[in-house]
C-alpha atoms as a PDB file:
ATOM      1  CA  MET A   1     -48.659 -35.021 160.695  1.00  0.00           C
ATOM      2  CA  GLU A   2     -51.967 -33.764 162.838  1.00  0.00           C
ATOM      3  CA  TYR A   3     -51.234 -30.259 160.975  1.00  0.00           C
ATOM      4  CA  ILE A   4     -51.730 -31.995 157.430  1.00  0.00           C
ATOM      5  CA  LYS A   5     -54.750 -33.847 158.538  1.00  0.00           C
ATOM      6  CA  LYS A   6     -56.422 -30.587 159.416  1.00  0.00           C
ATOM      7  CA  HIS A   7     -55.427 -28.658 156.164  1.00  0.00           C
ATOM      8  CA  ARG A   8     -57.888 -26.505 154.745  1.00  0.00           C
ATOM      9  CA  SER A   9     -57.148 -23.883 152.227  1.00  0.00           C
ATOM     10  CA  ILE A  10     -57.624 -20.797 153.476  1.00  0.00           C
ATOM     11  CA  ARG A  11     -59.082 -17.672 151.418  1.00  0.00           C
ATOM     12  CA  LYS A  12     -59.550 -15.119 153.932  1.00  0.00           C
ATOM     13  CA  TYR A  13     -57.002 -13.474 155.806  1.00  0.00           C
ATOM     14  CA  THR A  14     -56.649 -10.977 159.040  1.00  0.00           C
ATOM     15  CA  ASP A  15     -55.207  -7.207 158.460  1.00  0.00           C
ATOM     16  CA  GLU A  16     -52.126  -8.737 160.422  1.00  0.00           C
ATOM     17  CA  ASP A  17     -49.067  -8.701 158.199  1.00  0.00           C
ATOM     18  CA  VAL A  18     -46.477 -11.245 157.674  1.00  0.00           C
ATOM     19  CA  SER A  19     -43.533  -9.944 159.041  1.00  0.00           C
ATOM     20  CA  ALA A  20     -40.507 -10.221 156.540  1.00  0.00           C
ATOM     21  CA  GLY A  21     -38.373 -12.128 159.061  1.00  0.00           C
ATOM     22  CA  LEU A  22     -40.914 -15.100 159.491  1.00  0.00           C
ATOM     23  CA  LEU A  23     -41.300 -14.900 155.771  1.00  0.00           C
ATOM     24  CA  ASN A  24     -37.573 -15.421 155.161  1.00  0.00           C
ATOM     25  CA  GLU A  25     -37.366 -17.865 157.988  1.00  0.00           C
ATOM     26  CA  ILE A  26     -39.725 -19.925 155.934  1.00  0.00           C
ATOM     27  CA  LEU A  27     -38.770 -19.663 152.424  1.00  0.00           C
ATOM     28  CA  GLU A  28     -35.267 -20.404 153.715  1.00  0.00           C
ATOM     29  CA  ALA A  29     -36.137 -23.384 155.901  1.00  0.00           C
ATOM     30  CA  ALA A  30     -38.406 -24.966 152.621  1.00  0.00           C
ATOM     31  CA  GLU A  31     -34.739 -24.597 150.868  1.00  0.00           C
ATOM     32  CA  ARG A  32     -33.728 -28.143 152.713  1.00  0.00           C
ATOM     33  CA  THR A  33     -36.259 -29.911 150.372  1.00  0.00           C
ATOM     34  CA  GLN A  34     -34.776 -32.330 147.756  1.00  0.00           C
ATOM     35  CA  THR A  35     -33.811 -30.873 144.572  1.00  0.00           C
ATOM     36  CA  MET A  36     -32.835 -32.563 141.583  1.00  0.00           C
ATOM     37  CA  GLY A  37     -28.726 -32.241 141.482  1.00  0.00           C
ATOM     38  CA  ASN A  38     -28.665 -30.194 144.247  1.00  0.00           C
ATOM     39  CA  LEU A  39     -29.319 -27.141 142.013  1.00  0.00           C
ATOM     40  CA  GLN A  40     -32.448 -25.730 143.811  1.00  0.00           C
ATOM     41  CA  LEU A  41     -34.630 -25.145 140.220  1.00  0.00           C
ATOM     42  CA  TYR A  42     -36.683 -22.570 141.288  1.00  0.00           C
ATOM     43  CA  SER A  43     -37.162 -18.808 142.157  1.00  0.00           C
ATOM     44  CA  VAL A  44     -39.807 -17.435 144.235  1.00  0.00           C
ATOM     45  CA  VAL A  45     -40.969 -13.931 143.356  1.00  0.00           C
ATOM     46  CA  VAL A  46     -42.487 -12.404 146.805  1.00  0.00           C
ATOM     47  CA  THR A  47     -45.616  -9.636 145.926  1.00  0.00           C
ATOM     48  CA  ARG A  48     -46.541  -7.343 148.672  1.00  0.00           C
ATOM     49  CA  SER A  49     -47.583  -3.910 147.266  1.00  0.00           C
ATOM     50  CA  LYS A  50     -51.191  -3.074 146.595  1.00  0.00           C
ATOM     51  CA  ALA A  51     -50.664  -2.245 143.084  1.00  0.00           C
ATOM     52  CA  MET A  52     -48.607  -5.540 141.886  1.00  0.00           C
ATOM     53  CA  LYS A  53     -51.378  -7.985 143.667  1.00  0.00           C
ATOM     54  CA  GLU A  54     -54.264  -6.016 141.767  1.00  0.00           C
ATOM     55  CA  LYS A  55     -51.710  -6.561 138.554  1.00  0.00           C
ATOM     56  CA  LEU A  56     -51.407 -10.176 138.756  1.00  0.00           C
ATOM     57  CA  ALA A  57     -55.004 -10.606 139.739  1.00  0.00           C
ATOM     58  CA  PRO A  58     -56.761 -10.773 136.508  1.00  0.00           C
ATOM     59  CA  ALA A  59     -54.293 -13.652 135.285  1.00  0.00           C
ATOM     60  CA  HIS A  60     -55.529 -15.476 138.245  1.00  0.00           C
ATOM     61  CA  PHE A  61     -59.325 -14.776 137.218  1.00  0.00           C
ATOM     62  CA  ASN A  62     -59.716 -12.040 139.565  1.00  0.00           C
ATOM     63  CA  GLN A  63     -60.267 -14.245 142.990  1.00  0.00           C
ATOM     64  CA  PRO A  64     -60.185 -12.113 145.863  1.00  0.00           C
ATOM     65  CA  MET A  65     -57.678 -13.542 147.669  1.00  0.00           C
ATOM     66  CA  VAL A  66     -54.913 -12.297 145.360  1.00  0.00           C
ATOM     67  CA  ALA A  67     -55.674  -8.780 146.341  1.00  0.00           C
ATOM     68  CA  ALA A  68     -56.956  -9.574 149.928  1.00  0.00           C
ATOM     69  CA  ALA A  69     -53.493 -11.673 151.051  1.00  0.00           C
ATOM     70  CA  PRO A  70     -51.224  -9.891 152.628  1.00  0.00           C
ATOM     71  CA  VAL A  71     -48.372 -12.147 150.614  1.00  0.00           C
ATOM     72  CA  VAL A  72     -48.607 -13.696 147.423  1.00  0.00           C
ATOM     73  CA  LEU A  73     -46.180 -16.049 146.346  1.00  0.00           C
ATOM     74  CA  THR A  74     -44.984 -17.165 142.904  1.00  0.00           C
ATOM     75  CA  VAL A  75     -42.971 -19.984 142.330  1.00  0.00           C
ATOM     76  CA  CYS A  76     -40.854 -20.282 139.318  1.00  0.00           C
ATOM     77  CA  ALA A  77     -39.245 -23.093 137.391  1.00  0.00           C
ATOM     78  CA  ASP A  78     -35.801 -21.508 137.006  1.00  0.00           C
ATOM     79  CA  PHE A  79     -33.165 -23.023 134.649  1.00  0.00           C
ATOM     80  CA  ASN A  80     -31.805 -19.310 134.184  1.00  0.00           C
ATOM     81  CA  ARG A  81     -29.859 -19.093 137.172  1.00  0.00           C
ATOM     82  CA  THR A  82     -28.189 -22.462 136.507  1.00  0.00           C
ATOM     83  CA  THR A  83     -27.542 -21.666 133.060  1.00  0.00           C
ATOM     84  CA  ARG A  84     -25.923 -18.142 133.516  1.00  0.00           C
ATOM     85  CA  TRP A  85     -24.014 -19.805 136.248  1.00  0.00           C
ATOM     86  CA  ALA A  86     -22.735 -22.613 133.755  1.00  0.00           C
ATOM     87  CA  GLU A  87     -21.918 -19.497 131.355  1.00  0.00           C
ATOM     88  CA  GLU A  88     -20.124 -17.511 133.946  1.00  0.00           C
ATOM     89  CA  ARG A  89     -17.836 -20.577 134.398  1.00  0.00           C
ATOM     90  CA  ASN A  90     -16.917 -21.790 130.956  1.00  0.00           C
ATOM     91  CA  ALA A  91     -19.522 -24.565 130.724  1.00  0.00           C
ATOM     92  CA  ASN A  92     -21.859 -25.119 127.832  1.00  0.00           C
ATOM     93  CA  PRO A  93     -25.708 -25.496 129.346  1.00  0.00           C
ATOM     94  CA  GLY A  94     -27.906 -27.289 127.417  1.00  0.00           C
ATOM     95  CA  TYR A  95     -31.223 -26.709 129.408  1.00  0.00           C
ATOM     96  CA  ASP A  96     -33.492 -25.129 126.988  1.00  0.00           C
ATOM     97  CA  ASN A  97     -35.852 -28.412 126.516  1.00  0.00           C
ATOM     98  CA  PHE A  98     -38.802 -30.188 127.628  1.00  0.00           C
ATOM     99  CA  LEU A  99     -36.868 -32.518 129.876  1.00  0.00           C
ATOM    100  CA  SER A 100     -35.315 -29.412 131.850  1.00  0.00           C
ATOM    101  CA  PHE A 101     -38.377 -27.726 132.214  1.00  0.00           C
ATOM    102  CA  ILE A 102     -39.990 -30.483 133.731  1.00  0.00           C
ATOM    103  CA  ASN A 103     -37.091 -31.221 135.932  1.00  0.00           C
ATOM    104  CA  ALA A 104     -37.366 -27.354 136.804  1.00  0.00           C
ATOM    105  CA  ALA A 105     -41.197 -27.316 137.495  1.00  0.00           C
ATOM    106  CA  THR A 106     -40.854 -30.980 139.815  1.00  0.00           C
ATOM    107  CA  ASP A 107     -37.843 -28.654 141.745  1.00  0.00           C
ATOM    108  CA  ALA A 108     -40.230 -25.687 142.303  1.00  0.00           C
ATOM    109  CA  LEU A 109     -43.437 -28.213 143.286  1.00  0.00           C
ATOM    110  CA  LEU A 110     -41.503 -29.669 145.897  1.00  0.00           C
ATOM    111  CA  TYR A 111     -40.354 -26.763 147.573  1.00  0.00           C
ATOM    112  CA  THR A 112     -43.826 -25.379 147.343  1.00  0.00           C
ATOM    113  CA  GLN A 113     -45.099 -28.173 148.731  1.00  0.00           C
ATOM    114  CA  THR A 114     -42.615 -27.779 151.804  1.00  0.00           C
ATOM    115  CA  LEU A 115     -42.836 -24.134 152.304  1.00  0.00           C
ATOM    116  CA  CYS A 116     -46.680 -24.763 152.534  1.00  0.00           C
ATOM    117  CA  ASN A 117     -46.134 -27.059 155.203  1.00  0.00           C
ATOM    118  CA  ILE A 118     -43.785 -24.805 157.102  1.00  0.00           C
ATOM    119  CA  ALA A 119     -46.100 -22.069 156.719  1.00  0.00           C
ATOM    120  CA  GLU A 120     -49.216 -24.011 157.882  1.00  0.00           C
ATOM    121  CA  GLU A 121     -47.119 -25.749 160.988  1.00  0.00           C
ATOM    122  CA  LYS A 122     -46.286 -21.559 161.743  1.00  0.00           C
ATOM    123  CA  GLY A 123     -49.921 -20.679 162.265  1.00  0.00           C
ATOM    124  CA  LEU A 124     -50.403 -19.272 158.482  1.00  0.00           C
ATOM    125  CA  GLY A 125     -52.942 -20.040 156.060  1.00  0.00           C
ATOM    126  CA  TYR A 126     -52.580 -20.569 152.434  1.00  0.00           C
ATOM    127  CA  CYS A 127     -54.364 -21.070 149.472  1.00  0.00           C
ATOM    128  CA  PHE A 128     -52.613 -22.926 146.283  1.00  0.00           C
ATOM    129  CA  LEU A 129     -53.952 -21.227 142.621  1.00  0.00           C
ATOM    130  CA  GLY A 130     -53.993 -23.867 140.242  1.00  0.00           C
ATOM    131  CA  THR A 131     -54.853 -21.204 137.974  1.00  0.00           C
ATOM    132  CA  THR A 132     -51.100 -20.248 137.711  1.00  0.00           C
ATOM    133  CA  VAL A 133     -50.627 -22.466 134.741  1.00  0.00           C
ATOM    134  CA  TYR A 134     -53.725 -21.138 132.799  1.00  0.00           C
ATOM    135  CA  GLN A 135     -52.600 -17.819 131.636  1.00  0.00           C
ATOM    136  CA  PRO A 136     -48.749 -17.733 132.200  1.00  0.00           C
ATOM    137  CA  THR A 137     -48.034 -15.263 130.207  1.00  0.00           C
ATOM    138  CA  SER A 138     -49.920 -12.663 132.082  1.00  0.00           C
ATOM    139  CA  ILE A 139     -47.644 -13.798 135.084  1.00  0.00           C
ATOM    140  CA  ILE A 140     -44.809 -14.260 132.760  1.00  0.00           C
ATOM    141  CA  GLU A 141     -45.000 -10.367 131.596  1.00  0.00           C
ATOM    142  CA  THR A 142     -46.258  -8.698 135.051  1.00  0.00           C
ATOM    143  CA  LEU A 143     -42.966 -10.075 137.046  1.00  0.00           C
ATOM    144  CA  LYS A 144     -41.037  -9.798 134.046  1.00  0.00           C
ATOM    145  CA  LEU A 145     -39.621 -13.447 134.410  1.00  0.00           C
ATOM    146  CA  PRO A 146     -36.979 -14.234 131.970  1.00  0.00           C
ATOM    147  CA  LYS A 147     -35.843 -16.401 129.056  1.00  0.00           C
ATOM    148  CA  LEU A 148     -36.586 -20.158 131.082  1.00  0.00           C
ATOM    149  CA  VAL A 149     -38.164 -18.973 134.317  1.00  0.00           C
ATOM    150  CA  PHE A 150     -41.663 -20.077 134.350  1.00  0.00           C
ATOM    151  CA  PRO A 151     -44.434 -19.716 136.624  1.00  0.00           C
ATOM    152  CA  VAL A 152     -45.774 -23.244 138.089  1.00  0.00           C
ATOM    153  CA  ALA A 153     -47.416 -22.321 141.650  1.00  0.00           C
ATOM    154  CA  THR A 154     -49.331 -19.293 143.338  1.00  0.00           C
ATOM    155  CA  ILE A 155     -49.788 -19.078 146.994  1.00  0.00           C
ATOM    156  CA  THR A 156     -51.951 -16.447 148.915  1.00  0.00           C
ATOM    157  CA  LEU A 157     -50.421 -16.019 152.449  1.00  0.00           C
ATOM    158  CA  GLY A 158     -51.479 -14.679 155.861  1.00  0.00           C
ATOM    159  CA  TRP A 159     -53.257 -15.161 159.042  1.00  0.00           C
ATOM    160  CA  PRO A 160     -56.379 -17.259 158.740  1.00  0.00           C
ATOM    161  CA  ASP A 161     -59.850 -15.377 159.257  1.00  0.00           C
ATOM    162  CA  GLU A 162     -61.760 -18.339 158.915  1.00  0.00           C
ATOM    163  CA  ASN A 163     -62.036 -22.055 159.524  1.00  0.00           C
ATOM    164  CA  PRO A 164     -63.590 -23.751 156.876  1.00  0.00           C
ATOM    165  CA  ALA A 165     -64.994 -27.299 156.927  1.00  0.00           C
ATOM    166  CA  LEU A 166     -62.439 -30.017 155.867  1.00  0.00           C
ATOM    167  CA  THR A 167     -63.023 -30.973 152.017  1.00  0.00           C
ATOM    168  CA  ASP A 168     -63.401 -34.950 151.505  1.00  0.00           C
ATOM    169  CA  ARG A 169     -60.668 -37.008 150.139  1.00  0.00           C
ATOM    170  CA  LEU A 170     -60.689 -40.409 148.292  1.00  0.00           C
ATOM    171  CA  PRO A 171     -59.978 -43.623 150.508  1.00  0.00           C
ATOM    172  CA  LEU A 172     -56.432 -44.562 150.821  1.00  0.00           C
ATOM    173  CA  ALA A 173     -57.520 -47.816 148.629  1.00  0.00           C
ATOM    174  CA  ALA A 174     -58.327 -45.720 145.632  1.00  0.00           C
ATOM    175  CA  ILE A 175     -54.684 -43.930 145.004  1.00  0.00           C
ATOM    176  CA  VAL A 176     -52.702 -46.830 146.558  1.00  0.00           C
ATOM    177  CA  HIS A 177     -51.261 -49.971 143.834  1.00  0.00           C
ATOM    178  CA  GLU A 178     -49.419 -52.837 145.114  1.00  0.00           C
ATOM    179  CA  GLU A 179     -46.693 -54.274 143.203  1.00  0.00           C
ATOM    180  CA  GLU A 180     -48.233 -53.309 140.074  1.00  0.00           C
ATOM    181  CA  TYR A 181     -51.024 -50.782 139.099  1.00  0.00           C
ATOM    182  CA  GLN A 182     -54.447 -52.584 139.062  1.00  0.00           C
ATOM    183  CA  ASP A 183     -56.906 -50.625 136.604  1.00  0.00           C
ATOM    184  CA  TYR A 184     -60.113 -49.666 138.279  1.00  0.00           C
ATOM    185  CA  CYS A 185     -63.193 -51.814 137.165  1.00  0.00           C
ATOM    186  CA  ALA A 186     -66.932 -50.245 137.336  1.00  0.00           C
ATOM    187  CA  SER A 187     -67.733 -51.519 140.957  1.00  0.00           C
ATOM    188  CA  ASP A 188     -64.522 -50.056 142.144  1.00  0.00           C
ATOM    189  CA  ILE A 189     -65.034 -46.599 140.810  1.00  0.00           C
ATOM    190  CA  ASP A 190     -68.637 -47.240 142.730  1.00  0.00           C
ATOM    191  CA  SER A 191     -66.885 -47.702 145.657  1.00  0.00           C
ATOM    192  CA  TYR A 192     -64.221 -45.470 145.597  1.00  0.00           C
ATOM    193  CA  TYR A 193     -66.559 -42.351 145.034  1.00  0.00           C
ATOM    194  CA  ARG A 194     -69.639 -43.005 146.780  1.00  0.00           C
ATOM    195  CA  GLU A 195     -69.086 -40.892 149.389  1.00  0.00           C
ATOM    196  CA  LYS A 196     -68.185 -38.006 147.542  1.00  0.00           C
ATOM    197  CA  GLU A 197     -70.888 -38.343 145.426  1.00  0.00           C
ATOM    198  CA  HIS A 198     -73.627 -38.761 148.294  1.00  0.00           C
ATOM    199  CA  LEU A 199     -72.267 -35.915 149.925  1.00  0.00           C
ATOM    200  CA  GLU A 200     -75.020 -33.343 150.475  1.00  0.00           C
ATOM    201  CA  GLU A 201     -73.119 -30.376 148.967  1.00  0.00           C
ATOM    202  CA  ASN A 202     -72.607 -32.407 145.763  1.00  0.00           C
ATOM    203  CA  ILE A 203     -76.046 -33.348 145.402  1.00  0.00           C
ATOM    204  CA  ARG A 204     -76.991 -30.361 145.667  1.00  0.00           C
ATOM    205  CA  PHE A 205     -74.344 -28.674 142.982  1.00  0.00           C
ATOM    206  CA  CYS A 206     -75.575 -31.230 140.275  1.00  0.00           C
ATOM    207  CA  GLU A 207     -79.132 -29.909 141.151  1.00  0.00           C
ATOM    208  CA  ILE A 208     -78.763 -26.134 140.660  1.00  0.00           C
ATOM    209  CA  ASN A 209     -76.482 -26.963 137.704  1.00  0.00           C
ATOM    210  CA  ASN A 210     -78.814 -29.302 136.227  1.00  0.00           C
ATOM    211  CA  LYS A 211     -76.504 -32.272 135.937  1.00  0.00           C
ATOM    212  CA  GLU A 212     -77.055 -35.966 136.251  1.00  0.00           C
ATOM    213  CA  THR A 213     -74.132 -37.179 137.960  1.00  0.00           C
ATOM    214  CA  LEU A 214     -71.357 -35.211 139.972  1.00  0.00           C
ATOM    215  CA  ALA A 215     -68.532 -36.247 137.010  1.00  0.00           C
ATOM    216  CA  GLN A 216     -70.404 -33.840 134.669  1.00  0.00           C
ATOM    217  CA  ILE A 217     -69.561 -30.888 136.520  1.00  0.00           C
ATOM    218  CA  PHE A 218     -65.859 -31.530 136.162  1.00  0.00           C
ATOM    219  CA  THR A 219     -66.152 -32.667 132.639  1.00  0.00           C
ATOM    220  CA  ASP A 220     -69.158 -29.704 131.137  1.00  0.00           C
ATOM    221  CA  ILE A 221     -68.233 -27.123 133.671  1.00  0.00           C
ATOM    222  CA  ARG A 222     -65.156 -27.061 135.595  1.00  0.00           C
ATOM    223  CA  TYR A 223     -62.540 -28.307 133.561  1.00  0.00           C
ATOM    224  CA  THR A 224     -63.875 -28.938 130.225  1.00  0.00           C
ATOM    225  CA  LYS A 225     -62.156 -30.396 127.050  1.00  0.00           C
ATOM    226  CA  LYS A 226     -62.550 -27.046 125.136  1.00  0.00           C
ATOM    227  CA  ASP A 227     -61.051 -25.323 127.821  1.00  0.00           C
ATOM    228  CA  ASN A 228     -58.167 -27.704 128.785  1.00  0.00           C
ATOM    229  CA  GLU A 229     -56.999 -27.565 124.892  1.00  0.00           C
ATOM    230  CA  ALA A 230     -57.084 -23.961 124.464  1.00  0.00           C
ATOM    231  CA  MET A 231     -54.765 -23.582 127.951  1.00  0.00           C
ATOM    232  CA  SER A 232     -52.589 -26.369 126.612  1.00  0.00           C
ATOM    233  CA  GLU A 233     -51.890 -24.325 123.475  1.00  0.00           C
ATOM    234  CA  GLY A 234     -51.403 -21.100 125.467  1.00  0.00           C
ATOM    235  CA  MET A 235     -48.989 -23.109 128.104  1.00  0.00           C
ATOM    236  CA  MET A 236     -46.865 -24.399 125.218  1.00  0.00           C
ATOM    237  CA  ALA A 237     -47.048 -21.156 123.560  1.00  0.00           C
ATOM    238  CA  ALA A 238     -45.541 -19.545 126.701  1.00  0.00           C
ATOM    239  CA  LEU A 239     -43.181 -21.956 127.284  1.00  0.00           C
ATOM    240  CA  ARG A 240     -41.463 -21.564 123.680  1.00  0.00           C
ATOM    241  CA  ARG A 241     -41.859 -17.827 124.454  1.00  0.00           C
ATOM    242  CA  GLN A 242     -39.437 -18.460 127.497  1.00  0.00           C
ATOM    243  CA  GLY A 243     -37.038 -20.379 125.523  1.00  0.00           C
ATOM    244  CA  PHE A 244     -37.763 -23.957 126.096  1.00  0.00           C
ATOM    245  CA  ASN A 245     -38.089 -26.080 122.906  1.00  0.00           C
ATOM    246  CA  VAL A 246     -41.120 -27.920 123.104  1.00  0.00           C
END
């Protein structure tokens, strides 16, 4: 539990390689994570070559760690393998729908988190890239993903070359609801977000961006309605392209 409490996203890595043996050990151990129907509805594309990392980088807005990390892992929701298995065994699959995508995406994300925990326990550092679902078509084309396979998570992995400060987290009371969901009142929001809003770096962030509140940083700059809607349309189009009827 202690390494979880000390988790930091690592974006800078040493030149030391991550051996195939160690990586395979981590990938295999992570297979013990829970999975729907014991079907393991995920696949992992391992990217090591400089050329392929450079091809992937634009899909992640050219974040430097994509090209710099020794290993980039793209974890995909995968109903292609299970569908092929069914077809080869005289069974009639019906997994080209939204529910199947959600089940496979859940499997893939559970696997991803287990993999990350194991990697960190081994002393490796990683960064989870939320950009994977922003421009999925680019990743699909670069990695030649077939129908019913969709990228949901990207991990840059390597030996840490930095030790950044821990980022803040909301208090437990902000996320836990006993027996039933209790909606938040204004005083709850004030209490739960007070520490985050009064961090020196967040106050400074508001000042340099000429924003009144930290919430405006997220709504007006980082995750805007316009961008969210545009990327949602792109994601739905990519899902349909990959054979999911959404």
